Amino acid sequence: QLGKILVEELQARGWSDGRVGIIAIPQRRKNGKLRTSGFLQAL
């Protein structure tokens, strides 16, 4: 859902061709993997 908010904002600004960088919590954590998976799906 958070990723969808960002996508809508980027599209509204005409920045759909830009990239998104991610500063993540450790991906060995289950919650970290789930956050990355959900966000990337929206993007």
Full PDB file with SEQRES, HELIX, SHEET, SSBOND, CRYST1, ORIGX, SCALE, CONECT and MASTER records, all heavy atoms in Angstrom:
SEQRES   1 A   43  GLN LEU GLY LYS ILE LEU VAL GLU GLU LEU GLN ALA ARG          
SEQRES   2 A   43  GLY TRP SER ASP GLY ARG VAL GLY ILE ILE ALA ILE PRO          
SEQRES   3 A   43  GLN ARG ARG LYS ASN GLY LYS LEU ARG THR SER GLY PHE          
SEQRES   4 A   43  LEU GLN ALA LEU                                              
HELIX    1 AA1 LEU A    2  ALA A   12  1                                  11    
HELIX    2 AA2 LYS A   30  ALA A   42  1                                  13    
CRYST1    1.000    1.000    1.000  90.00  90.00  90.00 P 1           1          
ORIGX1      1.000000  0.000000  0.000000        0.00000                         
ORIGX2      0.000000  1.000000  0.000000        0.00000                         
ORIGX3      0.000000  0.000000  1.000000        0.00000                         
SCALE1      1.000000  0.000000  0.000000        0.00000                         
SCALE2      0.000000  1.000000  0.000000        0.00000                         
SCALE3      0.000000  0.000000  1.000000        0.00000                         
ATOM      1  N   GLN A   1       0.831  -1.210   0.000  1.00  0.00           N  
ATOM      2  CA  GLN A   1       0.000   0.000   0.000  1.00  0.00           C  
ATOM      3  C   GLN A   1       0.866   1.261   0.000  1.00  0.00           C  
ATOM      4  O   GLN A   1       0.535   2.264  -0.644  1.00  0.00           O  
ATOM      5  CB  GLN A   1      -0.939  -0.007   1.212  1.00  0.00           C  
ATOM      6  CG  GLN A   1      -1.952  -1.135   1.230  1.00  0.00           C  
ATOM      7  CD  GLN A   1      -2.880  -1.113   0.020  1.00  0.00           C  
ATOM      8  OE1 GLN A   1      -3.213  -0.042  -0.504  1.00  0.00           O  
ATOM      9  NE2 GLN A   1      -3.297  -2.290  -0.427  1.00  0.00           N  
ATOM     10  N   LEU A   2       1.989   1.197   0.721  1.00  0.00           N  
ATOM     11  CA  LEU A   2       2.906   2.331   0.765  1.00  0.00           C  
ATOM     12  C   LEU A   2       3.534   2.554  -0.614  1.00  0.00           C  
ATOM     13  O   LEU A   2       3.677   3.689  -1.072  1.00  0.00           O  
ATOM     14  CB  LEU A   2       3.989   2.082   1.811  1.00  0.00           C  
ATOM     15  CG  LEU A   2       4.864   3.270   2.190  1.00  0.00           C  
ATOM     16  CD1 LEU A   2       4.050   4.355   2.861  1.00  0.00           C  
ATOM     17  CD2 LEU A   2       6.000   2.815   3.105  1.00  0.00           C  
ATOM     18  N   GLY A   3       3.889   1.457  -1.272  1.00  0.00           N  
ATOM     19  CA  GLY A   3       4.441   1.555  -2.617  1.00  0.00           C  
ATOM     20  C   GLY A   3       3.463   2.188  -3.591  1.00  0.00           C  
ATOM     21  O   GLY A   3       3.857   2.983  -4.461  1.00  0.00           O  
ATOM     22  N   LYS A   4       2.185   1.874  -3.431  1.00  0.00           N  
ATOM     23  CA  LYS A   4       1.162   2.462  -4.299  1.00  0.00           C  
ATOM     24  C   LYS A   4       1.061   3.978  -4.094  1.00  0.00           C  
ATOM     25  O   LYS A   4       0.865   4.738  -5.042  1.00  0.00           O  
ATOM     26  CB  LYS A   4      -0.188   1.789  -4.038  1.00  0.00           C  
ATOM     27  CG  LYS A   4      -0.279   0.361  -4.560  1.00  0.00           C  
ATOM     28  CD  LYS A   4      -1.623  -0.274  -4.278  1.00  0.00           C  
ATOM     29  CE  LYS A   4      -2.755   0.380  -5.056  1.00  0.00           C  
ATOM     30  NZ  LYS A   4      -4.048  -0.312  -4.865  1.00  0.00           N  
ATOM     31  N   ILE A   5       1.206   4.412  -2.834  1.00  0.00           N  
ATOM     32  CA  ILE A   5       1.193   5.848  -2.542  1.00  0.00           C  
ATOM     33  C   ILE A   5       2.337   6.538  -3.281  1.00  0.00           C  
ATOM     34  O   ILE A   5       2.167   7.607  -3.893  1.00  0.00           O  
ATOM     35  CB  ILE A   5       1.295   6.097  -1.021  1.00  0.00           C  
ATOM     36  CG1 ILE A   5      -0.013   5.713  -0.322  1.00  0.00           C  
ATOM     37  CG2 ILE A   5       1.648   7.556  -0.726  1.00  0.00           C  
ATOM     38  CD1 ILE A   5       0.056   5.743   1.189  1.00  0.00           C  
ATOM     39  N   LEU A   6       3.532   5.920  -3.251  1.00  0.00           N  
ATOM     40  CA  LEU A   6       4.686   6.515  -3.920  1.00  0.00           C  
ATOM     41  C   LEU A   6       4.502   6.520  -5.437  1.00  0.00           C  
ATOM     42  O   LEU A   6       4.822   7.518  -6.101  1.00  0.00           O  
ATOM     43  CB  LEU A   6       5.961   5.760  -3.547  1.00  0.00           C  
ATOM     44  CG  LEU A   6       7.246   6.301  -4.184  1.00  0.00           C  
ATOM     45  CD1 LEU A   6       7.482   7.758  -3.803  1.00  0.00           C  
ATOM     46  CD2 LEU A   6       8.437   5.438  -3.788  1.00  0.00           C  
ATOM     47  N   VAL A   7       4.005   5.419  -5.975  1.00  0.00           N  
ATOM     48  CA  VAL A   7       3.779   5.340  -7.423  1.00  0.00           C  
ATOM     49  C   VAL A   7       2.845   6.454  -7.884  1.00  0.00           C  
ATOM     50  O   VAL A   7       3.107   7.143  -8.882  1.00  0.00           O  
ATOM     51  CB  VAL A   7       3.201   3.963  -7.819  1.00  0.00           C  
ATOM     52  CG1 VAL A   7       2.679   3.986  -9.257  1.00  0.00           C  
ATOM     53  CG2 VAL A   7       4.263   2.872  -7.668  1.00  0.00           C  
ATOM     54  N   GLU A   8       1.759   6.652  -7.155  1.00  0.00           N  
ATOM     55  CA  GLU A   8       0.790   7.696  -7.516  1.00  0.00           C  
ATOM     56  C   GLU A   8       1.430   9.079  -7.466  1.00  0.00           C  
ATOM     57  O   GLU A   8       1.169   9.931  -8.326  1.00  0.00           O  
ATOM     58  CB  GLU A   8      -0.414   7.632  -6.573  1.00  0.00           C  
ATOM     59  CG  GLU A   8      -1.303   6.419  -6.796  1.00  0.00           C  
ATOM     60  CD  GLU A   8      -2.428   6.326  -5.778  1.00  0.00           C  
ATOM     61  OE1 GLU A   8      -2.564   7.275  -4.967  1.00  0.00           O  
ATOM     62  OE2 GLU A   8      -3.158   5.312  -5.788  1.00  0.00           O  
ATOM     63  N   GLU A   9       2.284   9.309  -6.469  1.00  0.00           N  
ATOM     64  CA  GLU A   9       2.951  10.611  -6.352  1.00  0.00           C  
ATOM     65  C   GLU A   9       3.938  10.824  -7.496  1.00  0.00           C  
ATOM     66  O   GLU A   9       4.017  11.928  -8.071  1.00  0.00           O  
ATOM     67  CB  GLU A   9       3.661  10.715  -5.002  1.00  0.00           C  
ATOM     68  CG  GLU A   9       4.300  12.059  -4.721  1.00  0.00           C  
ATOM     69  CD  GLU A   9       3.296  13.198  -4.590  1.00  0.00           C  
ATOM     70  OE1 GLU A   9       2.124  12.936  -4.229  1.00  0.00           O  
ATOM     71  OE2 GLU A   9       3.688  14.358  -4.844  1.00  0.00           O  
ATOM     72  N   LEU A  10       4.701   9.803  -7.832  1.00  0.00           N  
ATOM     73  CA  LEU A  10       5.664   9.916  -8.936  1.00  0.00           C  
ATOM     74  C   LEU A  10       4.947  10.164 -10.263  1.00  0.00           C  
ATOM     75  O   LEU A  10       5.384  10.986 -11.082  1.00  0.00           O  
ATOM     76  CB  LEU A  10       6.525   8.647  -9.015  1.00  0.00           C  
ATOM     77  CG  LEU A  10       7.522   8.431  -7.861  1.00  0.00           C  
ATOM     78  CD1 LEU A  10       8.165   7.052  -7.970  1.00  0.00           C  
ATOM     79  CD2 LEU A  10       8.593   9.512  -7.859  1.00  0.00           C  
ATOM     80  N   GLN A  11       3.855   9.453 -10.463  1.00  0.00           N  
ATOM     81  CA  GLN A  11       3.084   9.629 -11.695  1.00  0.00           C  
ATOM     82  C   GLN A  11       2.479  11.029 -11.763  1.00  0.00           C  
ATOM     83  O   GLN A  11       2.475  11.660 -12.829  1.00  0.00           O  
ATOM     84  CB  GLN A  11       1.995   8.556 -11.785  1.00  0.00           C  
ATOM     85  CG  GLN A  11       2.523   7.153 -12.037  1.00  0.00           C  
ATOM     86  CD  GLN A  11       1.448   6.088 -11.977  1.00  0.00           C  
ATOM     87  OE1 GLN A  11       0.374   6.308 -11.413  1.00  0.00           O  
ATOM     88  NE2 GLN A  11       1.736   4.906 -12.524  1.00  0.00           N  
ATOM     89  N   ALA A  12       1.980  11.524 -10.643  1.00  0.00           N  
ATOM     90  CA  ALA A  12       1.371  12.854 -10.611  1.00  0.00           C  
ATOM     91  C   ALA A  12       2.393  13.942 -10.937  1.00  0.00           C  
ATOM     92  O   ALA A  12       2.046  14.985 -11.502  1.00  0.00           O  
ATOM     93  CB  ALA A  12       0.753  13.111  -9.239  1.00  0.00           C  
ATOM     94  N   ARG A  13       3.671  13.688 -10.600  1.00  0.00           N  
ATOM     95  CA  ARG A  13       4.730  14.663 -10.865  1.00  0.00           C  
ATOM     96  C   ARG A  13       5.369  14.463 -12.239  1.00  0.00           C  
ATOM     97  O   ARG A  13       6.278  15.216 -12.616  1.00  0.00           O  
ATOM     98  CB  ARG A  13       5.807  14.567  -9.785  1.00  0.00           C  
ATOM     99  CG  ARG A  13       5.352  15.043  -8.404  1.00  0.00           C  
ATOM    100  CD  ARG A  13       6.402  14.727  -7.349  1.00  0.00           C  
ATOM    101  NE  ARG A  13       6.006  15.215  -6.043  1.00  0.00           N  
ATOM    102  CZ  ARG A  13       6.562  16.256  -5.413  1.00  0.00           C  
ATOM    103  NH1 ARG A  13       7.543  16.938  -6.012  1.00  0.00           N  
ATOM    104  NH2 ARG A  13       6.164  16.617  -4.215  1.00  0.00           N  
ATOM    105  N   GLY A  14       4.941  13.431 -12.950  1.00  0.00           N  
ATOM    106  CA  GLY A  14       5.551  13.136 -14.245  1.00  0.00           C  
ATOM    107  C   GLY A  14       6.939  12.541 -14.122  1.00  0.00           C  
ATOM    108  O   GLY A  14       7.777  12.702 -15.015  1.00  0.00           O  
ATOM    109  N   TRP A  15       7.180  11.822 -13.027  1.00  0.00           N  
ATOM    110  CA  TRP A  15       8.500  11.244 -12.759  1.00  0.00           C  
ATOM    111  C   TRP A  15       8.506   9.720 -12.902  1.00  0.00           C  
ATOM    112  O   TRP A  15       9.329   9.028 -12.293  1.00  0.00           O  
ATOM    113  CB  TRP A  15       8.962  11.602 -11.339  1.00  0.00           C  
ATOM    114  CG  TRP A  15       9.238  13.056 -11.142  1.00  0.00           C  
ATOM    115  CD1 TRP A  15       9.246  14.043 -12.076  1.00  0.00           C  
ATOM    116  CD2 TRP A  15       9.551  13.688  -9.889  1.00  0.00           C  
ATOM    117  NE1 TRP A  15       9.546  15.252 -11.517  1.00  0.00           N  
ATOM    118  CE2 TRP A  15       9.740  15.077 -10.166  1.00  0.00           C  
ATOM    119  CE3 TRP A  15       9.698  13.233  -8.581  1.00  0.00           C  
ATOM    120  CZ2 TRP A  15      10.055  16.000  -9.168  1.00  0.00           C  
ATOM    121  CZ3 TRP A  15      10.004  14.150  -7.590  1.00  0.00           C  
ATOM    122  CH2 TRP A  15      10.185  15.515  -7.881  1.00  0.00           C  
ATOM    123  N   SER A  16       7.645   9.177 -13.698  1.00  0.00           N  
ATOM    124  CA  SER A  16       7.516   7.717 -13.815  1.00  0.00           C  
ATOM    125  C   SER A  16       8.768   7.048 -14.365  1.00  0.00           C  
ATOM    126  O   SER A  16       8.951   5.830 -14.210  1.00  0.00           O  
ATOM    127  CB  SER A  16       6.322   7.360 -14.706  1.00  0.00           C  
ATOM    128  OG  SER A  16       5.117   7.804 -14.124  1.00  0.00           O  
ATOM    129  N   ASP A  17       9.629   7.833 -15.020  1.00  0.00           N  
ATOM    130  CA  ASP A  17      10.848   7.246 -15.583  1.00  0.00           C  
ATOM    131  C   ASP A  17      12.011   7.286 -14.594  1.00  0.00           C  
ATOM    132  O   ASP A  17      13.120   6.850 -14.903  1.00  0.00           O  
ATOM    133  CB  ASP A  17      11.242   7.978 -16.864  1.00  0.00           C  
ATOM    134  CG  ASP A  17      11.428   9.479 -16.648  1.00  0.00           C  
ATOM    135  OD1 ASP A  17      10.982   9.985 -15.591  1.00  0.00           O  
ATOM    136  OD2 ASP A  17      12.010  10.133 -17.535  1.00  0.00           O  
ATOM    137  N   GLY A  18      11.767   7.801 -13.375  1.00  0.00           N  
ATOM    138  CA  GLY A  18      12.820   7.860 -12.367  1.00  0.00           C  
ATOM    139  C   GLY A  18      12.943   6.565 -11.587  1.00  0.00           C  
ATOM    140  O   GLY A  18      12.092   5.680 -11.667  1.00  0.00           O  
ATOM    141  N   ARG A  19      14.028   6.458 -10.840  1.00  0.00           N  
ATOM    142  CA  ARG A  19      14.279   5.251 -10.034  1.00  0.00           C  
ATOM    143  C   ARG A  19      14.049   5.515  -8.545  1.00  0.00           C  
ATOM    144  O   ARG A  19      14.101   6.653  -8.086  1.00  0.00           O  
ATOM    145  CB  ARG A  19      15.715   4.750 -10.238  1.00  0.00           C  
ATOM    146  CG  ARG A  19      15.993   4.234 -11.646  1.00  0.00           C  
ATOM    147  CD  ARG A  19      17.407   3.715 -11.779  1.00  0.00           C  
ATOM    148  NE  ARG A  19      17.667   3.280 -13.143  1.00  0.00           N  
ATOM    149  CZ  ARG A  19      17.421   2.045 -13.577  1.00  0.00           C  
ATOM    150  NH1 ARG A  19      16.954   1.126 -12.742  1.00  0.00           N  
ATOM    151  NH2 ARG A  19      17.673   1.707 -14.828  1.00  0.00           N  
ATOM    152  N   VAL A  20      13.845   4.418  -7.825  1.00  0.00           N  
ATOM    153  CA  VAL A  20      13.646   4.475  -6.378  1.00  0.00           C  
ATOM    154  C   VAL A  20      14.753   3.674  -5.698  1.00  0.00           C  
ATOM    155  O   VAL A  20      14.942   2.491  -5.997  1.00  0.00           O  
ATOM    156  CB  VAL A  20      12.271   3.900  -5.973  1.00  0.00           C  
ATOM    157  CG1 VAL A  20      12.115   3.910  -4.447  1.00  0.00           C  
ATOM    158  CG2 VAL A  20      11.144   4.683  -6.628  1.00  0.00           C  
ATOM    159  N   GLY A  21      15.487   4.310  -4.795  1.00  0.00           N  
ATOM    160  CA  GLY A  21      16.515   3.617  -4.022  1.00  0.00           C  
ATOM    161  C   GLY A  21      15.948   3.133  -2.694  1.00  0.00           C  
ATOM    162  O   GLY A  21      15.056   3.767  -2.133  1.00  0.00           O  
ATOM    163  N   ILE A  22      16.476   2.017  -2.212  1.00  0.00           N  
ATOM    164  CA  ILE A  22      15.939   1.409  -0.984  1.00  0.00           C  
ATOM    165  C   ILE A  22      17.039   1.268   0.065  1.00  0.00           C  
ATOM    166  O   ILE A  22      18.094   0.687  -0.195  1.00  0.00           O  
ATOM    167  CB  ILE A  22      15.318   0.026  -1.272  1.00  0.00           C  
ATOM    168  CG1 ILE A  22      14.200   0.157  -2.302  1.00  0.00           C  
ATOM    169  CG2 ILE A  22      14.800  -0.612   0.023  1.00  0.00           C  
ATOM    170  CD1 ILE A  22      13.631  -1.184  -2.767  1.00  0.00           C  
ATOM    171  N   ILE A  23      16.792   1.816   1.237  1.00  0.00           N  
ATOM    172  CA  ILE A  23      17.651   1.606   2.401  1.00  0.00           C  
ATOM    173  C   ILE A  23      16.856   0.706   3.338  1.00  0.00           C  
ATOM    174  O   ILE A  23      15.895   1.142   3.975  1.00  0.00           O  
ATOM    175  CB  ILE A  23      18.026   2.937   3.070  1.00  0.00           C  
ATOM    176  CG1 ILE A  23      18.753   3.848   2.060  1.00  0.00           C  
ATOM    177  CG2 ILE A  23      18.911   2.688   4.290  1.00  0.00           C  
ATOM    178  CD1 ILE A  23      19.027   5.247   2.581  1.00  0.00           C  
ATOM    179  N   ALA A  24      17.246  -0.565   3.383  1.00  0.00           N  
ATOM    180  CA  ALA A  24      16.419  -1.605   3.996  1.00  0.00           C  
ATOM    181  C   ALA A  24      16.926  -2.017   5.369  1.00  0.00           C  
ATOM    182  O   ALA A  24      18.111  -1.871   5.691  1.00  0.00           O  
ATOM    183  CB  ALA A  24      16.379  -2.832   3.086  1.00  0.00           C  
ATOM    184  N   ILE A  25      16.012  -2.543   6.168  1.00  0.00           N  
ATOM    185  CA  ILE A  25      16.417  -3.252   7.375  1.00  0.00           C  
ATOM    186  C   ILE A  25      17.033  -4.581   6.927  1.00  0.00           C  
ATOM    187  O   ILE A  25      16.879  -4.974   5.761  1.00  0.00           O  
ATOM    188  CB  ILE A  25      15.227  -3.471   8.343  1.00  0.00           C  
ATOM    189  CG1 ILE A  25      14.155  -4.366   7.697  1.00  0.00           C  
ATOM    190  CG2 ILE A  25      14.642  -2.133   8.767  1.00  0.00           C  
ATOM    191  CD1 ILE A  25      13.012  -4.713   8.638  1.00  0.00           C  
ATOM    192  N   PRO A  26      17.742  -5.311   7.786  1.00  0.00           N  
ATOM    193  CA  PRO A  26      18.379  -6.561   7.357  1.00  0.00           C  
ATOM    194  C   PRO A  26      17.392  -7.527   6.695  1.00  0.00           C  
ATOM    195  O   PRO A  26      16.323  -7.794   7.240  1.00  0.00           O  
ATOM    196  CB  PRO A  26      18.936  -7.131   8.660  1.00  0.00           C  
ATOM    197  CG  PRO A  26      19.183  -5.932   9.511  1.00  0.00           C  
ATOM    198  CD  PRO A  26      18.057  -4.990   9.194  1.00  0.00           C  
ATOM    199  N   GLN A  27      17.774  -8.039   5.544  1.00  0.00           N  
ATOM    200  CA  GLN A  27      16.885  -8.927   4.808  1.00  0.00           C  
ATOM    201  C   GLN A  27      16.912 -10.358   5.324  1.00  0.00           C  
ATOM    202  O   GLN A  27      16.171 -11.216   4.836  1.00  0.00           O  
ATOM    203  CB  GLN A  27      17.229  -8.881   3.318  1.00  0.00           C  
ATOM    204  CG  GLN A  27      17.006  -7.506   2.692  1.00  0.00           C  
ATOM    205  CD  GLN A  27      15.556  -7.058   2.737  1.00  0.00           C  
ATOM    206  OE1 GLN A  27      14.716  -7.556   1.995  1.00  0.00           O  
ATOM    207  NE2 GLN A  27      15.240  -6.113   3.622  1.00  0.00           N  
ATOM    208  N   ARG A  28      17.751 -10.628   6.318  1.00  0.00           N  
ATOM    209  CA  ARG A  28      17.684 -11.935   6.989  1.00  0.00           C  
ATOM    210  C   ARG A  28      16.477 -11.976   7.932  1.00  0.00           C  
ATOM    211  O   ARG A  28      16.079 -13.046   8.394  1.00  0.00           O  
ATOM    212  CB  ARG A  28      18.968 -12.232   7.755  1.00  0.00           C  
ATOM    213  CG  ARG A  28      19.244 -11.295   8.929  1.00  0.00           C  
ATOM    214  CD  ARG A  28      20.554 -11.648   9.625  1.00  0.00           C  
ATOM    215  NE  ARG A  28      20.853 -10.737  10.721  1.00  0.00           N  
ATOM    216  CZ  ARG A  28      21.486  -9.584  10.585  1.00  0.00           C  
ATOM    217  NH1 ARG A  28      21.891  -9.198   9.393  1.00  0.00           N  
ATOM    218  NH2 ARG A  28      21.741  -8.812  11.633  1.00  0.00           N  
ATOM    219  N   ARG A  29      15.938 -10.803   8.231  1.00  0.00           N  
ATOM    220  CA  ARG A  29      14.719 -10.738   9.034  1.00  0.00           C  
ATOM    221  C   ARG A  29      13.520 -11.027   8.141  1.00  0.00           C  
ATOM    222  O   ARG A  29      13.417 -10.497   7.029  1.00  0.00           O  
ATOM    223  CB  ARG A  29      14.541  -9.354   9.660  1.00  0.00           C  
ATOM    224  CG  ARG A  29      15.551  -8.977  10.719  1.00  0.00           C  
ATOM    225  CD  ARG A  29      15.199  -7.597  11.281  1.00  0.00           C  
ATOM    226  NE  ARG A  29      16.110  -7.185  12.324  1.00  0.00           N  
ATOM    227  CZ  ARG A  29      16.011  -6.017  12.968  1.00  0.00           C  
ATOM    228  NH1 ARG A  29      15.032  -5.178  12.642  1.00  0.00           N  
ATOM    229  NH2 ARG A  29      16.869  -5.692  13.909  1.00  0.00           N  
ATOM    230  N   LYS A  30      12.623 -11.819   8.646  1.00  0.00           N  
ATOM    231  CA  LYS A  30      11.426 -12.152   7.876  1.00  0.00           C  
ATOM    232  C   LYS A  30      10.632 -10.897   7.529  1.00  0.00           C  
ATOM    233  O   LYS A  30      10.141 -10.747   6.398  1.00  0.00           O  
ATOM    234  CB  LYS A  30      10.553 -13.124   8.675  1.00  0.00           C  
ATOM    235  CG  LYS A  30       9.314 -13.590   7.950  1.00  0.00           C  
ATOM    236  CD  LYS A  30       8.503 -14.539   8.817  1.00  0.00           C  
ATOM    237  CE  LYS A  30       7.216 -14.939   8.127  1.00  0.00           C  
ATOM    238  NZ  LYS A  30       6.372 -15.800   8.987  1.00  0.00           N  
ATOM    239  N   ASN A  31      10.516  -9.979   8.479  1.00  0.00           N  
ATOM    240  CA  ASN A  31       9.727  -8.776   8.212  1.00  0.00           C  
ATOM    241  C   ASN A  31      10.394  -7.901   7.152  1.00  0.00           C  
ATOM    242  O   ASN A  31       9.714  -7.233   6.362  1.00  0.00           O  
ATOM    243  CB  ASN A  31       9.462  -7.987   9.498  1.00  0.00           C  
ATOM    244  CG  ASN A  31      10.727  -7.506  10.185  1.00  0.00           C  
ATOM    245  OD1 ASN A  31      11.817  -8.044   9.973  1.00  0.00           O  
ATOM    246  ND2 ASN A  31      10.601  -6.499  11.022  1.00  0.00           N  
ATOM    247  N   GLY A  32      11.714  -7.925   7.095  1.00  0.00           N  
ATOM    248  CA  GLY A  32      12.421  -7.171   6.068  1.00  0.00           C  
ATOM    249  C   GLY A  32      12.141  -7.713   4.676  1.00  0.00           C  
ATOM    250  O   GLY A  32      11.910  -6.949   3.729  1.00  0.00           O  
ATOM    251  N   LYS A  33      12.155  -9.022   4.553  1.00  0.00           N  
ATOM    252  CA  LYS A  33      11.865  -9.650   3.253  1.00  0.00           C  
ATOM    253  C   LYS A  33      10.441  -9.325   2.800  1.00  0.00           C  
ATOM    254  O   LYS A  33      10.195  -9.048   1.625  1.00  0.00           O  
ATOM    255  CB  LYS A  33      12.035 -11.167   3.361  1.00  0.00           C  
ATOM    256  CG  LYS A  33      13.468 -11.625   3.565  1.00  0.00           C  
ATOM    257  CD  LYS A  33      13.525 -13.135   3.717  1.00  0.00           C  
ATOM    258  CE  LYS A  33      14.949 -13.605   3.982  1.00  0.00           C  
ATOM    259  NZ  LYS A  33      15.006 -15.076   4.210  1.00  0.00           N  
ATOM    260  N   LEU A  34       9.505  -9.368   3.728  1.00  0.00           N  
ATOM    261  CA  LEU A  34       8.104  -9.099   3.377  1.00  0.00           C  
ATOM    262  C   LEU A  34       7.904  -7.649   2.957  1.00  0.00           C  
ATOM    263  O   LEU A  34       7.150  -7.362   2.017  1.00  0.00           O  
ATOM    264  CB  LEU A  34       7.194  -9.449   4.553  1.00  0.00           C  
ATOM    265  CG  LEU A  34       7.068 -10.941   4.880  1.00  0.00           C  
ATOM    266  CD1 LEU A  34       6.312 -11.147   6.184  1.00  0.00           C  
ATOM    267  CD2 LEU A  34       6.371 -11.690   3.744  1.00  0.00           C  
ATOM    268  N   ARG A  35       8.570  -6.734   3.637  1.00  0.00           N  
ATOM    269  CA  ARG A  35       8.451  -5.325   3.273  1.00  0.00           C  
ATOM    270  C   ARG A  35       8.982  -5.096   1.855  1.00  0.00           C  
ATOM    271  O   ARG A  35       8.351  -4.419   1.045  1.00  0.00           O  
ATOM    272  CB  ARG A  35       9.243  -4.445   4.257  1.00  0.00           C  
ATOM    273  CG  ARG A  35       8.594  -4.326   5.607  1.00  0.00           C  
ATOM    274  CD  ARG A  35       9.415  -3.441   6.538  1.00  0.00           C  
ATOM    275  NE  ARG A  35       9.014  -3.668   7.920  1.00  0.00           N  
ATOM    276  CZ  ARG A  35       9.562  -3.085   8.966  1.00  0.00           C  
ATOM    277  NH1 ARG A  35      10.554  -2.225   8.796  1.00  0.00           N  
ATOM    278  NH2 ARG A  35       9.148  -3.354  10.189  1.00  0.00           N  
ATOM    279  N   THR A  36      10.133  -5.663   1.579  1.00  0.00           N  
ATOM    280  CA  THR A  36      10.729  -5.497   0.253  1.00  0.00           C  
ATOM    281  C   THR A  36       9.836  -6.095  -0.821  1.00  0.00           C  
ATOM    282  O   THR A  36       9.593  -5.470  -1.868  1.00  0.00           O  
ATOM    283  CB  THR A  36      12.121  -6.152   0.214  1.00  0.00           C  
ATOM    284  OG1 THR A  36      12.952  -5.541   1.205  1.00  0.00           O  
ATOM    285  CG2 THR A  36      12.764  -5.984  -1.149  1.00  0.00           C  
ATOM    286  N   SER A  37       9.318  -7.277  -0.559  1.00  0.00           N  
ATOM    287  CA  SER A  37       8.467  -7.962  -1.539  1.00  0.00           C  
ATOM    288  C   SER A  37       7.217  -7.161  -1.867  1.00  0.00           C  
ATOM    289  O   SER A  37       6.867  -6.958  -3.039  1.00  0.00           O  
ATOM    290  CB  SER A  37       8.081  -9.341  -1.000  1.00  0.00           C  
ATOM    291  OG  SER A  37       7.137  -9.963  -1.839  1.00  0.00           O  
ATOM    292  N   GLY A  38       6.521  -6.672  -0.843  1.00  0.00           N  
ATOM    293  CA  GLY A  38       5.290  -5.921  -1.064  1.00  0.00           C  
ATOM    294  C   GLY A  38       5.539  -4.613  -1.789  1.00  0.00           C  
ATOM    295  O   GLY A  38       4.798  -4.238  -2.708  1.00  0.00           O  
ATOM    296  N   PHE A  39       6.590  -3.905  -1.394  1.00  0.00           N  
ATOM    297  CA  PHE A  39       6.905  -2.614  -1.992  1.00  0.00           C  
ATOM    298  C   PHE A  39       7.291  -2.768  -3.467  1.00  0.00           C  
ATOM    299  O   PHE A  39       6.824  -2.022  -4.330  1.00  0.00           O  
ATOM    300  CB  PHE A  39       8.049  -1.968  -1.209  1.00  0.00           C  
ATOM    301  CG  PHE A  39       8.312  -0.534  -1.557  1.00  0.00           C  
ATOM    302  CD1 PHE A  39       7.508   0.473  -1.061  1.00  0.00           C  
ATOM    303  CD2 PHE A  39       9.388  -0.186  -2.362  1.00  0.00           C  
ATOM    304  CE1 PHE A  39       7.755   1.808  -1.367  1.00  0.00           C  
ATOM    305  CE2 PHE A  39       9.639   1.137  -2.680  1.00  0.00           C  
ATOM    306  CZ  PHE A  39       8.827   2.142  -2.179  1.00  0.00           C  
ATOM    307  N   LEU A  40       8.148  -3.754  -3.742  1.00  0.00           N  
ATOM    308  CA  LEU A  40       8.586  -3.982  -5.122  1.00  0.00           C  
ATOM    309  C   LEU A  40       7.417  -4.387  -6.020  1.00  0.00           C  
ATOM    310  O   LEU A  40       7.387  -4.034  -7.206  1.00  0.00           O  
ATOM    311  CB  LEU A  40       9.678  -5.044  -5.171  1.00  0.00           C  
ATOM    312  CG  LEU A  40      11.027  -4.658  -4.552  1.00  0.00           C  
ATOM    313  CD1 LEU A  40      12.025  -5.790  -4.714  1.00  0.00           C  
ATOM    314  CD2 LEU A  40      11.572  -3.381  -5.178  1.00  0.00           C  
ATOM    315  N   GLN A  41       6.460  -5.117  -5.461  1.00  0.00           N  
ATOM    316  CA  GLN A  41       5.277  -5.493  -6.242  1.00  0.00           C  
ATOM    317  C   GLN A  41       4.520  -4.251  -6.707  1.00  0.00           C  
ATOM    318  O   GLN A  41       4.109  -4.147  -7.863  1.00  0.00           O  
ATOM    319  CB  GLN A  41       4.357  -6.392  -5.421  1.00  0.00           C  
ATOM    320  CG  GLN A  41       3.107  -6.838  -6.187  1.00  0.00           C  
ATOM    321  CD  GLN A  41       2.125  -7.617  -5.327  1.00  0.00           C  
ATOM    322  OE1 GLN A  41       2.456  -8.055  -4.221  1.00  0.00           O  
ATOM    323  NE2 GLN A  41       0.909  -7.776  -5.816  1.00  0.00           N  
ATOM    324  N   ALA A  42       4.352  -3.294  -5.798  1.00  0.00           N  
ATOM    325  CA  ALA A  42       3.634  -2.070  -6.147  1.00  0.00           C  
ATOM    326  C   ALA A  42       4.395  -1.259  -7.202  1.00  0.00           C  
ATOM    327  O   ALA A  42       3.792  -0.722  -8.140  1.00  0.00           O  
ATOM    328  CB  ALA A  42       3.413  -1.217  -4.897  1.00  0.00           C  
ATOM    329  N   LEU A  43       5.724  -1.178  -7.054  1.00  0.00           N  
ATOM    330  CA  LEU A  43       6.515  -0.432  -8.030  1.00  0.00           C  
ATOM    331  C   LEU A  43       6.459  -1.096  -9.402  1.00  0.00           C  
ATOM    332  O   LEU A  43       6.337  -0.411 -10.433  1.00  0.00           O  
ATOM    333  CB  LEU A  43       7.977  -0.336  -7.570  1.00  0.00           C  
ATOM    334  CG  LEU A  43       8.292   0.470  -6.310  1.00  0.00           C  
ATOM    335  CD1 LEU A  43       9.797   0.701  -6.205  1.00  0.00           C  
ATOM    336  CD2 LEU A  43       7.565   1.802  -6.278  1.00  0.00           C  
TER     337      LEU A  43                                                      
MASTER        0    0    0    2    0    0    0    6  336    1    0    4          
END                                                                             
